[in-house]
Amino acid sequence: MDGPLPLVLIAGSLVFALVVLVYVALDRTPDWGLLGLAGLVEAGVLVMLVVAAVQVGGADLSGPDAITLFGYLVAALAILPLGFAWSLVERSRGATAVLAVAGLTEAFMIVRALQIWQS
């Protein structure tokens, strides 16, 4: 998981959270543009998961570290769709704010996965 992909995903997740906060400030509900931005972040996390799966065989990760790494990556794949499901069902300002929390959580999950990989 070396290279720019994790850093791009962290930045993308933070940009997503910032855009969602603008939506909250303007009292707007999620739209297709926001869903597309989340889809780009999700596609990147999926690529990172595949790269980690390929590279973990040659890495120096023990069993628990590998399980923790993949746990963070799989959770990162699930957090944005769950946040969108919540915000689309409820359709309120608070439910849209849940997406900002999901974006920040996504960035945190990627940072933790990167820390586990580097240790």
PDB file of N, CA and C in Angstrom:
ATOM      1  N   MET A   1       0.818  -1.183   0.000  1.00  0.00           N
ATOM      2  CA  MET A   1       0.000   0.000   0.000  1.00  0.00           C
ATOM      3  C   MET A   1       0.862   1.246   0.000  1.00  0.00           C
ATOM      4  N   ASP A   2       2.005   1.149  -0.618  1.00  0.00           N
ATOM      5  CA  ASP A   2       2.852   2.317  -0.748  1.00  0.00           C
ATOM      6  C   ASP A   2       2.376   3.135  -1.941  1.00  0.00           C
ATOM      7  N   GLY A   3       2.804   4.354  -2.001  1.00  0.00           N
ATOM      8  CA  GLY A   3       2.427   5.212  -3.102  1.00  0.00           C
ATOM      9  C   GLY A   3       1.402   6.247  -2.696  1.00  0.00           C
ATOM     10  N   PRO A   4       0.875   6.955  -3.676  1.00  0.00           N
ATOM     11  CA  PRO A   4      -0.001   8.086  -3.375  1.00  0.00           C
ATOM     12  C   PRO A   4      -1.462   7.715  -3.094  1.00  0.00           C
ATOM     13  N   LEU A   5      -1.865   6.489  -3.374  1.00  0.00           N
ATOM     14  CA  LEU A   5      -3.287   6.137  -3.254  1.00  0.00           C
ATOM     15  C   LEU A   5      -3.860   6.388  -1.858  1.00  0.00           C
ATOM     16  N   PRO A   6      -3.243   5.934  -0.778  1.00  0.00           N
ATOM     17  CA  PRO A   6      -3.832   6.211   0.540  1.00  0.00           C
ATOM     18  C   PRO A   6      -3.953   7.709   0.842  1.00  0.00           C
ATOM     19  N   LEU A   7      -2.956   8.477   0.449  1.00  0.00           N
ATOM     20  CA  LEU A   7      -3.014   9.916   0.707  1.00  0.00           C
ATOM     21  C   LEU A   7      -4.102  10.587  -0.129  1.00  0.00           C
ATOM     22  N   VAL A   8      -4.271  10.143  -1.358  1.00  0.00           N
ATOM     23  CA  VAL A   8      -5.339  10.672  -2.209  1.00  0.00           C
ATOM     24  C   VAL A   8      -6.703  10.324  -1.611  1.00  0.00           C
ATOM     25  N   LEU A   9      -6.841   9.113  -1.081  1.00  0.00           N
ATOM     26  CA  LEU A   9      -8.110   8.712  -0.480  1.00  0.00           C
ATOM     27  C   LEU A   9      -8.405   9.482   0.805  1.00  0.00           C
ATOM     28  N   ILE A  10      -7.388   9.739   1.597  1.00  0.00           N
ATOM     29  CA  ILE A  10      -7.585  10.540   2.802  1.00  0.00           C
ATOM     30  C   ILE A  10      -8.035  11.945   2.422  1.00  0.00           C
ATOM     31  N   ALA A  11      -7.340  12.543   1.451  1.00  0.00           N
ATOM     32  CA  ALA A  11      -7.722  13.886   0.998  1.00  0.00           C
ATOM     33  C   ALA A  11      -9.127  13.874   0.390  1.00  0.00           C
ATOM     34  N   GLY A  12      -9.436  12.854  -0.391  1.00  0.00           N
ATOM     35  CA  GLY A  12     -10.770  12.758  -0.994  1.00  0.00           C
ATOM     36  C   GLY A  12     -11.864  12.618   0.045  1.00  0.00           C
ATOM     37  N   SER A  13     -11.609  11.851   1.084  1.00  0.00           N
ATOM     38  CA  SER A  13     -12.589  11.698   2.156  1.00  0.00           C
ATOM     39  C   SER A  13     -12.804  13.005   2.911  1.00  0.00           C
ATOM     40  N   LEU A  14     -11.719  13.736   3.139  1.00  0.00           N
ATOM     41  CA  LEU A  14     -11.841  15.016   3.839  1.00  0.00           C
ATOM     42  C   LEU A  14     -12.553  16.056   2.965  1.00  0.00           C
ATOM     43  N   VAL A  15     -12.280  16.051   1.662  1.00  0.00           N
ATOM     44  CA  VAL A  15     -12.990  16.947   0.746  1.00  0.00           C
ATOM     45  C   VAL A  15     -14.475  16.588   0.726  1.00  0.00           C
ATOM     46  N   PHE A  16     -14.776  15.294   0.707  1.00  0.00           N
ATOM     47  CA  PHE A  16     -16.171  14.854   0.744  1.00  0.00           C
ATOM     48  C   PHE A  16     -16.862  15.380   2.002  1.00  0.00           C
ATOM     49  N   ALA A  17     -16.204  15.249   3.150  1.00  0.00           N
ATOM     50  CA  ALA A  17     -16.788  15.730   4.413  1.00  0.00           C
ATOM     51  C   ALA A  17     -16.995  17.240   4.371  1.00  0.00           C
ATOM     52  N   LEU A  18     -16.062  17.967   3.783  1.00  0.00           N
ATOM     53  CA  LEU A  18     -16.187  19.419   3.679  1.00  0.00           C
ATOM     54  C   LEU A  18     -17.361  19.812   2.776  1.00  0.00           C
ATOM     55  N   VAL A  19     -17.502  19.123   1.645  1.00  0.00           N
ATOM     56  CA  VAL A  19     -18.619  19.396   0.733  1.00  0.00           C
ATOM     57  C   VAL A  19     -19.947  19.095   1.434  1.00  0.00           C
ATOM     58  N   VAL A  20     -19.986  18.016   2.199  1.00  0.00           N
ATOM     59  CA  VAL A  20     -21.221  17.684   2.928  1.00  0.00           C
ATOM     60  C   VAL A  20     -21.536  18.771   3.956  1.00  0.00           C
ATOM     61  N   LEU A  21     -20.532  19.313   4.610  1.00  0.00           N
ATOM     62  CA  LEU A  21     -20.780  20.393   5.569  1.00  0.00           C
ATOM     63  C   LEU A  21     -21.343  21.634   4.878  1.00  0.00           C
ATOM     64  N   VAL A  22     -20.921  21.888   3.643  1.00  0.00           N
ATOM     65  CA  VAL A  22     -21.520  22.978   2.868  1.00  0.00           C
ATOM     66  C   VAL A  22     -22.983  22.665   2.593  1.00  0.00           C
ATOM     67  N   TYR A  23     -23.289  21.412   2.253  1.00  0.00           N
ATOM     68  CA  TYR A  23     -24.681  21.003   2.041  1.00  0.00           C
ATOM     69  C   TYR A  23     -25.502  21.221   3.315  1.00  0.00           C
ATOM     70  N   VAL A  24     -24.921  20.883   4.455  1.00  0.00           N
ATOM     71  CA  VAL A  24     -25.633  21.059   5.731  1.00  0.00           C
ATOM     72  C   VAL A  24     -25.878  22.544   5.981  1.00  0.00           C
ATOM     73  N   ALA A  25     -24.875  23.376   5.737  1.00  0.00           N
ATOM     74  CA  ALA A  25     -25.027  24.813   5.960  1.00  0.00           C
ATOM     75  C   ALA A  25     -26.097  25.416   5.049  1.00  0.00           C
ATOM     76  N   LEU A  26     -26.202  24.890   3.832  1.00  0.00           N
ATOM     77  CA  LEU A  26     -27.202  25.388   2.884  1.00  0.00           C
ATOM     78  C   LEU A  26     -28.546  24.672   3.031  1.00  0.00           C
ATOM     79  N   ASP A  27     -28.636  23.745   3.955  1.00  0.00           N
ATOM     80  CA  ASP A  27     -29.849  22.957   4.201  1.00  0.00           C
ATOM     81  C   ASP A  27     -30.304  22.211   2.948  1.00  0.00           C
ATOM     82  N   ARG A  28     -29.340  21.588   2.282  1.00  0.00           N
ATOM     83  CA  ARG A  28     -29.626  20.797   1.088  1.00  0.00           C
ATOM     84  C   ARG A  28     -29.542  19.317   1.430  1.00  0.00           C
ATOM     85  N   THR A  29     -30.303  18.519   0.721  1.00  0.00           N
ATOM     86  CA  THR A  29     -30.238  17.071   0.885  1.00  0.00           C
ATOM     87  C   THR A  29     -29.221  16.514  -0.111  1.00  0.00           C
ATOM     88  N   PRO A  30     -28.705  15.324   0.125  1.00  0.00           N
ATOM     89  CA  PRO A  30     -27.731  14.738  -0.791  1.00  0.00           C
ATOM     90  C   PRO A  30     -28.311  14.590  -2.206  1.00  0.00           C
ATOM     91  N   ASP A  31     -27.451  14.803  -3.196  1.00  0.00           N
ATOM     92  CA  ASP A  31     -27.876  14.671  -4.584  1.00  0.00           C
ATOM     93  C   ASP A  31     -26.908  13.754  -5.328  1.00  0.00           C
ATOM     94  N   TRP A  32     -27.087  13.686  -6.648  1.00  0.00           N
ATOM     95  CA  TRP A  32     -26.258  12.780  -7.458  1.00  0.00           C
ATOM     96  C   TRP A  32     -24.787  13.168  -7.459  1.00  0.00           C
ATOM     97  N   GLY A  33     -24.489  14.454  -7.385  1.00  0.00           N
ATOM     98  CA  GLY A  33     -23.096  14.889  -7.352  1.00  0.00           C
ATOM     99  C   GLY A  33     -22.377  14.397  -6.107  1.00  0.00           C
ATOM    100  N   LEU A  34     -23.061  14.479  -4.992  1.00  0.00           N
ATOM    101  CA  LEU A  34     -22.487  13.993  -3.737  1.00  0.00           C
ATOM    102  C   LEU A  34     -22.319  12.475  -3.772  1.00  0.00           C
ATOM    103  N   LEU A  35     -23.297  11.807  -4.352  1.00  0.00           N
ATOM    104  CA  LEU A  35     -23.202  10.354  -4.479  1.00  0.00           C
ATOM    105  C   LEU A  35     -22.041   9.967  -5.394  1.00  0.00           C
ATOM    106  N   GLY A  36     -21.829  10.745  -6.458  1.00  0.00           N
ATOM    107  CA  GLY A  36     -20.706  10.470  -7.360  1.00  0.00           C
ATOM    108  C   GLY A  36     -19.365  10.653  -6.684  1.00  0.00           C
ATOM    109  N   LEU A  37     -19.245  11.698  -5.874  1.00  0.00           N
ATOM    110  CA  LEU A  37     -18.006  11.931  -5.131  1.00  0.00           C
ATOM    111  C   LEU A  37     -17.736  10.795  -4.150  1.00  0.00           C
ATOM    112  N   ALA A  38     -18.790  10.352  -3.474  1.00  0.00           N
ATOM    113  CA  ALA A  38     -18.642   9.214  -2.558  1.00  0.00           C
ATOM    114  C   ALA A  38     -18.280   7.950  -3.334  1.00  0.00           C
ATOM    115  N   GLY A  39     -18.831   7.792  -4.522  1.00  0.00           N
ATOM    116  CA  GLY A  39     -18.506   6.628  -5.349  1.00  0.00           C
ATOM    117  C   GLY A  39     -17.045   6.599  -5.757  1.00  0.00           C
ATOM    118  N   LEU A  40     -16.471   7.770  -6.033  1.00  0.00           N
ATOM    119  CA  LEU A  40     -15.045   7.828  -6.366  1.00  0.00           C
ATOM    120  C   LEU A  40     -14.186   7.401  -5.179  1.00  0.00           C
ATOM    121  N   VAL A  41     -14.548   7.875  -3.998  1.00  0.00           N
ATOM    122  CA  VAL A  41     -13.807   7.489  -2.791  1.00  0.00           C
ATOM    123  C   VAL A  41     -13.945   5.985  -2.551  1.00  0.00           C
ATOM    124  N   GLU A  42     -15.158   5.464  -2.710  1.00  0.00           N
ATOM    125  CA  GLU A  42     -15.390   4.029  -2.511  1.00  0.00           C
ATOM    126  C   GLU A  42     -14.603   3.185  -3.518  1.00  0.00           C
ATOM    127  N   ALA A  43     -14.550   3.625  -4.766  1.00  0.00           N
ATOM    128  CA  ALA A  43     -13.779   2.895  -5.782  1.00  0.00           C
ATOM    129  C   ALA A  43     -12.302   2.872  -5.414  1.00  0.00           C
ATOM    130  N   GLY A  44     -11.802   3.990  -4.901  1.00  0.00           N
ATOM    131  CA  GLY A  44     -10.409   4.035  -4.465  1.00  0.00           C
ATOM    132  C   GLY A  44     -10.132   3.112  -3.299  1.00  0.00           C
ATOM    133  N   VAL A  45     -11.064   3.047  -2.359  1.00  0.00           N
ATOM    134  CA  VAL A  45     -10.894   2.138  -1.212  1.00  0.00           C
ATOM    135  C   VAL A  45     -10.932   0.691  -1.684  1.00  0.00           C
ATOM    136  N   LEU A  46     -11.774   0.394  -2.647  1.00  0.00           N
ATOM    137  CA  LEU A  46     -11.820  -0.969  -3.194  1.00  0.00           C
ATOM    138  C   LEU A  46     -10.496  -1.322  -3.870  1.00  0.00           C
ATOM    139  N   VAL A  47      -9.919  -0.386  -4.615  1.00  0.00           N
ATOM    140  CA  VAL A  47      -8.607  -0.618  -5.229  1.00  0.00           C
ATOM    141  C   VAL A  47      -7.559  -0.838  -4.148  1.00  0.00           C
ATOM    142  N   MET A  48      -7.616  -0.043  -3.097  1.00  0.00           N
ATOM    143  CA  MET A  48      -6.651  -0.196  -1.999  1.00  0.00           C
ATOM    144  C   MET A  48      -6.805  -1.544  -1.307  1.00  0.00           C
ATOM    145  N   LEU A  49      -8.029  -2.018  -1.169  1.00  0.00           N
ATOM    146  CA  LEU A  49      -8.270  -3.336  -0.577  1.00  0.00           C
ATOM    147  C   LEU A  49      -7.668  -4.436  -1.437  1.00  0.00           C
ATOM    148  N   VAL A  50      -7.831  -4.344  -2.741  1.00  0.00           N
ATOM    149  CA  VAL A  50      -7.270  -5.352  -3.653  1.00  0.00           C
ATOM    150  C   VAL A  50      -5.744  -5.300  -3.625  1.00  0.00           C
ATOM    151  N   VAL A  51      -5.179  -4.093  -3.640  1.00  0.00           N
ATOM    152  CA  VAL A  51      -3.714  -3.957  -3.577  1.00  0.00           C
ATOM    153  C   VAL A  51      -3.181  -4.535  -2.276  1.00  0.00           C
ATOM    154  N   ALA A  52      -3.857  -4.268  -1.181  1.00  0.00           N
ATOM    155  CA  ALA A  52      -3.420  -4.809   0.115  1.00  0.00           C
ATOM    156  C   ALA A  52      -3.510  -6.329   0.117  1.00  0.00           C
ATOM    157  N   ALA A  53      -4.556  -6.877  -0.484  1.00  0.00           N
ATOM    158  CA  ALA A  53      -4.704  -8.334  -0.527  1.00  0.00           C
ATOM    159  C   ALA A  53      -3.571  -8.968  -1.327  1.00  0.00           C
ATOM    160  N   VAL A  54      -3.164  -8.319  -2.398  1.00  0.00           N
ATOM    161  CA  VAL A  54      -2.074  -8.859  -3.222  1.00  0.00           C
ATOM    162  C   VAL A  54      -0.743  -8.726  -2.496  1.00  0.00           C
ATOM    163  N   GLN A  55      -0.535  -7.583  -1.845  1.00  0.00           N
ATOM    164  CA  GLN A  55       0.753  -7.329  -1.216  1.00  0.00           C
ATOM    165  C   GLN A  55       0.930  -7.972   0.147  1.00  0.00           C
ATOM    166  N   VAL A  56      -0.137  -8.371   0.802  1.00  0.00           N
ATOM    167  CA  VAL A  56      -0.008  -8.891   2.163  1.00  0.00           C
ATOM    168  C   VAL A  56       0.730 -10.226   2.175  1.00  0.00           C
ATOM    169  N   GLY A  57       0.727 -10.958   1.088  1.00  0.00           N
ATOM    170  CA  GLY A  57       1.446 -12.231   1.028  1.00  0.00           C
ATOM    171  C   GLY A  57       2.947 -12.047   1.144  1.00  0.00           C
ATOM    172  N   GLY A  58       3.471 -11.003   0.546  1.00  0.00           N
ATOM    173  CA  GLY A  58       4.905 -10.748   0.592  1.00  0.00           C
ATOM    174  C   GLY A  58       5.315  -9.825   1.717  1.00  0.00           C
ATOM    175  N   ALA A  59       4.379  -9.377   2.506  1.00  0.00           N
ATOM    176  CA  ALA A  59       4.690  -8.426   3.583  1.00  0.00           C
ATOM    177  C   ALA A  59       5.014  -9.164   4.862  1.00  0.00           C
ATOM    178  N   ASP A  60       5.400  -8.393   5.846  1.00  0.00           N
ATOM    179  CA  ASP A  60       5.790  -8.944   7.131  1.00  0.00           C
ATOM    180  C   ASP A  60       4.669  -8.797   8.157  1.00  0.00           C
ATOM    181  N   LEU A  61       3.426  -8.971   7.730  1.00  0.00           N
ATOM    182  CA  LEU A  61       2.290  -8.834   8.635  1.00  0.00           C
ATOM    183  C   LEU A  61       1.963 -10.181   9.259  1.00  0.00           C
ATOM    184  N   SER A  62       1.791 -10.170  10.575  1.00  0.00           N
ATOM    185  CA  SER A  62       1.379 -11.403  11.238  1.00  0.00           C
ATOM    186  C   SER A  62      -0.123 -11.547  11.123  1.00  0.00           C
ATOM    187  N   GLY A  63      -0.668 -12.640  11.582  1.00  0.00           N
ATOM    188  CA  GLY A  63      -2.094 -12.925  11.476  1.00  0.00           C
ATOM    189  C   GLY A  63      -2.999 -11.851  12.046  1.00  0.00           C
ATOM    190  N   PRO A  64      -2.810 -11.457  13.317  1.00  0.00           N
ATOM    191  CA  PRO A  64      -3.693 -10.427  13.881  1.00  0.00           C
ATOM    192  C   PRO A  64      -3.572  -9.072  13.173  1.00  0.00           C
ATOM    193  N   ASP A  65      -2.352  -8.703  12.762  1.00  0.00           N
ATOM    194  CA  ASP A  65      -2.181  -7.431  12.061  1.00  0.00           C
ATOM    195  C   ASP A  65      -2.887  -7.452  10.710  1.00  0.00           C
ATOM    196  N   ALA A  66      -2.813  -8.564  10.008  1.00  0.00           N
ATOM    197  CA  ALA A  66      -3.481  -8.665   8.706  1.00  0.00           C
ATOM    198  C   ALA A  66      -4.996  -8.620   8.877  1.00  0.00           C
ATOM    199  N   ILE A  67      -5.498  -9.272   9.907  1.00  0.00           N
ATOM    200  CA  ILE A  67      -6.945  -9.255  10.160  1.00  0.00           C
ATOM    201  C   ILE A  67      -7.405  -7.838  10.503  1.00  0.00           C
ATOM    202  N   THR A  68      -6.624  -7.139  11.316  1.00  0.00           N
ATOM    203  CA  THR A  68      -6.968  -5.764  11.674  1.00  0.00           C
ATOM    204  C   THR A  68      -6.927  -4.863  10.449  1.00  0.00           C
ATOM    205  N   LEU A  69      -5.913  -5.025   9.610  1.00  0.00           N
ATOM    206  CA  LEU A  69      -5.792  -4.236   8.386  1.00  0.00           C
ATOM    207  C   LEU A  69      -7.019  -4.417   7.499  1.00  0.00           C
ATOM    208  N   PHE A  70      -7.384  -5.662   7.250  1.00  0.00           N
ATOM    209  CA  PHE A  70      -8.536  -5.916   6.380  1.00  0.00           C
ATOM    210  C   PHE A  70      -9.848  -5.530   7.060  1.00  0.00           C
ATOM    211  N   GLY A  71      -9.889  -5.587   8.375  1.00  0.00           N
ATOM    212  CA  GLY A  71     -11.070  -5.120   9.091  1.00  0.00           C
ATOM    213  C   GLY A  71     -11.296  -3.626   8.866  1.00  0.00           C
ATOM    214  N   TYR A  72     -10.220  -2.849   8.949  1.00  0.00           N
ATOM    215  CA  TYR A  72     -10.338  -1.411   8.704  1.00  0.00           C
ATOM    216  C   TYR A  72     -10.735  -1.132   7.257  1.00  0.00           C
ATOM    217  N   LEU A  73     -10.151  -1.850   6.311  1.00  0.00           N
ATOM    218  CA  LEU A  73     -10.458  -1.601   4.901  1.00  0.00           C
ATOM    219  C   LEU A  73     -11.889  -1.997   4.552  1.00  0.00           C
ATOM    220  N   VAL A  74     -12.359  -3.106   5.093  1.00  0.00           N
ATOM    221  CA  VAL A  74     -13.747  -3.518   4.834  1.00  0.00           C
ATOM    222  C   VAL A  74     -14.720  -2.556   5.509  1.00  0.00           C
ATOM    223  N   ALA A  75     -14.396  -2.112   6.711  1.00  0.00           N
ATOM    224  CA  ALA A  75     -15.253  -1.123   7.385  1.00  0.00           C
ATOM    225  C   ALA A  75     -15.275   0.188   6.607  1.00  0.00           C
ATOM    226  N   ALA A  76     -14.122   0.568   6.027  1.00  0.00           N
ATOM    227  CA  ALA A  76     -14.076   1.783   5.214  1.00  0.00           C
ATOM    228  C   ALA A  76     -14.961   1.651   3.976  1.00  0.00           C
ATOM    229  N   LEU A  77     -15.066   0.446   3.452  1.00  0.00           N
ATOM    230  CA  LEU A  77     -15.967   0.222   2.310  1.00  0.00           C
ATOM    231  C   LEU A  77     -17.430   0.340   2.707  1.00  0.00           C
ATOM    232  N   ALA A  78     -17.748   0.030   3.940  1.00  0.00           N
ATOM    233  CA  ALA A  78     -19.148  -0.005   4.367  1.00  0.00           C
ATOM    234  C   ALA A  78     -19.658   1.326   4.901  1.00  0.00           C
ATOM    235  N   ILE A  79     -18.779   2.200   5.385  1.00  0.00           N
ATOM    236  CA  ILE A  79     -19.236   3.374   6.125  1.00  0.00           C
ATOM    237  C   ILE A  79     -19.975   4.390   5.263  1.00  0.00           C
ATOM    238  N   LEU A  80     -19.492   4.690   4.071  1.00  0.00           N
ATOM    239  CA  LEU A  80     -20.176   5.678   3.232  1.00  0.00           C
ATOM    240  C   LEU A  80     -21.529   5.189   2.713  1.00  0.00           C
ATOM    241  N   PRO A  81     -21.650   3.943   2.246  1.00  0.00           N
ATOM    242  CA  PRO A  81     -22.992   3.493   1.849  1.00  0.00           C
ATOM    243  C   PRO A  81     -23.998   3.494   2.995  1.00  0.00           C
ATOM    244  N   LEU A  82     -23.549   3.153   4.191  1.00  0.00           N
ATOM    245  CA  LEU A  82     -24.455   3.206   5.347  1.00  0.00           C
ATOM    246  C   LEU A  82     -24.871   4.640   5.663  1.00  0.00           C
ATOM    247  N   GLY A  83     -23.934   5.570   5.575  1.00  0.00           N
ATOM    248  CA  GLY A  83     -24.258   6.976   5.794  1.00  0.00           C
ATOM    249  C   GLY A  83     -25.234   7.499   4.752  1.00  0.00           C
ATOM    250  N   PHE A  84     -25.045   7.095   3.495  1.00  0.00           N
ATOM    251  CA  PHE A  84     -25.979   7.517   2.457  1.00  0.00           C
ATOM    252  C   PHE A  84     -27.357   6.918   2.668  1.00  0.00           C
ATOM    253  N   ALA A  85     -27.405   5.666   3.060  1.00  0.00           N
ATOM    254  CA  ALA A  85     -28.710   5.036   3.308  1.00  0.00           C
ATOM    255  C   ALA A  85     -29.453   5.796   4.400  1.00  0.00           C
ATOM    256  N   TRP A  86     -28.747   6.166   5.458  1.00  0.00           N
ATOM    257  CA  TRP A  86     -29.354   6.902   6.554  1.00  0.00           C
ATOM    258  C   TRP A  86     -29.858   8.268   6.072  1.00  0.00           C
ATOM    259  N   SER A  87     -29.014   8.979   5.318  1.00  0.00           N
ATOM    260  CA  SER A  87     -29.387  10.327   4.900  1.00  0.00           C
ATOM    261  C   SER A  87     -30.502  10.328   3.863  1.00  0.00           C
ATOM    262  N   LEU A  88     -30.616   9.286   3.072  1.00  0.00           N
ATOM    263  CA  LEU A  88     -31.679   9.234   2.071  1.00  0.00           C
ATOM    264  C   LEU A  88     -33.007   8.798   2.671  1.00  0.00           C
ATOM    265  N   VAL A  89     -32.969   8.021   3.731  1.00  0.00           N
ATOM    266  CA  VAL A  89     -34.211   7.573   4.367  1.00  0.00           C
ATOM    267  C   VAL A  89     -34.824   8.699   5.198  1.00  0.00           C
ATOM    268  N   GLU A  90     -33.994   9.422   5.950  1.00  0.00           N
ATOM    269  CA  GLU A  90     -34.525  10.418   6.880  1.00  0.00           C
ATOM    270  C   GLU A  90     -34.777  11.775   6.228  1.00  0.00           C
ATOM    271  N   ARG A  91     -33.918  12.224   5.318  1.00  0.00           N
ATOM    272  CA  ARG A  91     -34.068  13.486   4.597  1.00  0.00           C
ATOM    273  C   ARG A  91     -34.181  14.710   5.509  1.00  0.00           C
ATOM    274  N   SER A  92     -33.264  14.826   6.446  1.00  0.00           N
ATOM    275  CA  SER A  92     -33.231  15.995   7.314  1.00  0.00           C
ATOM    276  C   SER A  92     -31.810  16.560   7.326  1.00  0.00           C
ATOM    277  N   ARG A  93     -31.664  17.729   7.928  1.00  0.00           N
ATOM    278  CA  ARG A  93     -30.350  18.351   8.020  1.00  0.00           C
ATOM    279  C   ARG A  93     -29.405  17.494   8.857  1.00  0.00           C
ATOM    280  N   GLY A  94     -29.912  16.918   9.933  1.00  0.00           N
ATOM    281  CA  GLY A  94     -29.094  16.059  10.788  1.00  0.00           C
ATOM    282  C   GLY A  94     -28.642  14.790  10.077  1.00  0.00           C
ATOM    283  N   ALA A  95     -29.527  14.237   9.252  1.00  0.00           N
ATOM    284  CA  ALA A  95     -29.163  13.031   8.512  1.00  0.00           C
ATOM    285  C   ALA A  95     -28.108  13.340   7.456  1.00  0.00           C
ATOM    286  N   THR A  96     -28.153  14.538   6.892  1.00  0.00           N
ATOM    287  CA  THR A  96     -27.107  14.931   5.949  1.00  0.00           C
ATOM    288  C   THR A  96     -25.784  15.116   6.686  1.00  0.00           C
ATOM    289  N   ALA A  97     -25.847  15.621   7.910  1.00  0.00           N
ATOM    290  CA  ALA A  97     -24.631  15.785   8.710  1.00  0.00           C
ATOM    291  C   ALA A  97     -23.987  14.443   9.031  1.00  0.00           C
ATOM    292  N   VAL A  98     -24.790  13.392   9.049  1.00  0.00           N
ATOM    293  CA  VAL A  98     -24.244  12.044   9.262  1.00  0.00           C
ATOM    294  C   VAL A  98     -23.233  11.717   8.169  1.00  0.00           C
ATOM    295  N   LEU A  99     -23.464  12.212   6.954  1.00  0.00           N
ATOM    296  CA  LEU A  99     -22.521  11.971   5.857  1.00  0.00           C
ATOM    297  C   LEU A  99     -21.171  12.640   6.118  1.00  0.00           C
ATOM    298  N   ALA A 100     -21.184  13.800   6.761  1.00  0.00           N
ATOM    299  CA  ALA A 100     -19.910  14.449   7.105  1.00  0.00           C
ATOM    300  C   ALA A 100     -19.138  13.589   8.097  1.00  0.00           C
ATOM    301  N   VAL A 101     -19.840  13.047   9.066  1.00  0.00           N
ATOM    302  CA  VAL A 101     -19.198  12.145  10.032  1.00  0.00           C
ATOM    303  C   VAL A 101     -18.688  10.894   9.324  1.00  0.00           C
ATOM    304  N   ALA A 102     -19.456  10.392   8.368  1.00  0.00           N
ATOM    305  CA  ALA A 102     -19.019   9.214   7.606  1.00  0.00           C
ATOM    306  C   ALA A 102     -17.763   9.524   6.807  1.00  0.00           C
ATOM    307  N   GLY A 103     -17.677  10.720   6.219  1.00  0.00           N
ATOM    308  CA  GLY A 103     -16.473  11.099   5.480  1.00  0.00           C
ATOM    309  C   GLY A 103     -15.257  11.198   6.375  1.00  0.00           C
ATOM    310  N   LEU A 104     -15.433  11.783   7.553  1.00  0.00           N
ATOM    311  CA  LEU A 104     -14.320  11.869   8.501  1.00  0.00           C
ATOM    312  C   LEU A 104     -13.914  10.483   9.010  1.00  0.00           C
ATOM    313  N   THR A 105     -14.903   9.631   9.228  1.00  0.00           N
ATOM    314  CA  THR A 105     -14.614   8.269   9.673  1.00  0.00           C
ATOM    315  C   THR A 105     -13.881   7.498   8.588  1.00  0.00           C
ATOM    316  N   GLU A 106     -14.267   7.727   7.342  1.00  0.00           N
ATOM    317  CA  GLU A 106     -13.585   7.088   6.212  1.00  0.00           C
ATOM    318  C   GLU A 106     -12.103   7.465   6.201  1.00  0.00           C
ATOM    319  N   ALA A 107     -11.811   8.748   6.376  1.00  0.00           N
ATOM    320  CA  ALA A 107     -10.420   9.199   6.412  1.00  0.00           C
ATOM    321  C   ALA A 107      -9.670   8.555   7.571  1.00  0.00           C
ATOM    322  N   PHE A 108     -10.312   8.470   8.737  1.00  0.00           N
ATOM    323  CA  PHE A 108      -9.692   7.849   9.901  1.00  0.00           C
ATOM    324  C   PHE A 108      -9.377   6.371   9.639  1.00  0.00           C
ATOM    325  N   MET A 109     -10.318   5.669   9.028  1.00  0.00           N
ATOM    326  CA  MET A 109     -10.106   4.237   8.738  1.00  0.00           C
ATOM    327  C   MET A 109      -8.913   4.033   7.806  1.00  0.00           C
ATOM    328  N   ILE A 110      -8.770   4.900   6.827  1.00  0.00           N
ATOM    329  CA  ILE A 110      -7.651   4.772   5.889  1.00  0.00           C
ATOM    330  C   ILE A 110      -6.336   5.097   6.592  1.00  0.00           C
ATOM    331  N   VAL A 111      -6.342   6.113   7.456  1.00  0.00           N
ATOM    332  CA  VAL A 111      -5.134   6.447   8.219  1.00  0.00           C
ATOM    333  C   VAL A 111      -4.726   5.271   9.095  1.00  0.00           C
ATOM    334  N   ARG A 112      -5.681   4.650   9.778  1.00  0.00           N
ATOM    335  CA  ARG A 112      -5.369   3.507  10.639  1.00  0.00           C
ATOM    336  C   ARG A 112      -4.847   2.319   9.828  1.00  0.00           C
ATOM    337  N   ALA A 113      -5.453   2.054   8.678  1.00  0.00           N
ATOM    338  CA  ALA A 113      -4.981   0.959   7.829  1.00  0.00           C
ATOM    339  C   ALA A 113      -3.549   1.238   7.363  1.00  0.00           C
ATOM    340  N   LEU A 114      -3.262   2.474   7.032  1.00  0.00           N
ATOM    341  CA  LEU A 114      -1.909   2.840   6.607  1.00  0.00           C
ATOM    342  C   LEU A 114      -0.915   2.693   7.755  1.00  0.00           C
ATOM    343  N   GLN A 115      -1.326   3.042   8.977  1.00  0.00           N
ATOM    344  CA  GLN A 115      -0.438   2.888  10.131  1.00  0.00           C
ATOM    345  C   GLN A 115      -0.151   1.418  10.410  1.00  0.00           C
ATOM    346  N   ILE A 116      -1.165   0.574  10.268  1.00  0.00           N
ATOM    347  CA  ILE A 116      -0.959  -0.864  10.483  1.00  0.00           C
ATOM    348  C   ILE A 116      -0.027  -1.422   9.419  1.00  0.00           C
ATOM    349  N   TRP A 117      -0.206  -0.982   8.193  1.00  0.00           N
ATOM    350  CA  TRP A 117       0.624  -1.477   7.094  1.00  0.00           C
ATOM    351  C   TRP A 117       2.082  -1.090   7.323  1.00  0.00           C
ATOM    352  N   GLN A 118       2.335   0.120   7.787  1.00  0.00           N
ATOM    353  CA  GLN A 118       3.700   0.596   7.962  1.00  0.00           C
ATOM    354  C   GLN A 118       4.377   0.059   9.211  1.00  0.00           C
ATOM    355  N   SER A 119       3.610  -0.503  10.149  1.00  0.00           N
ATOM    356  CA  SER A 119       4.235  -0.980  11.390  1.00  0.00           C
ATOM    357  C   SER A 119       4.855  -2.334  11.248  1.00  0.00           C
TER     358      SER A 119
END
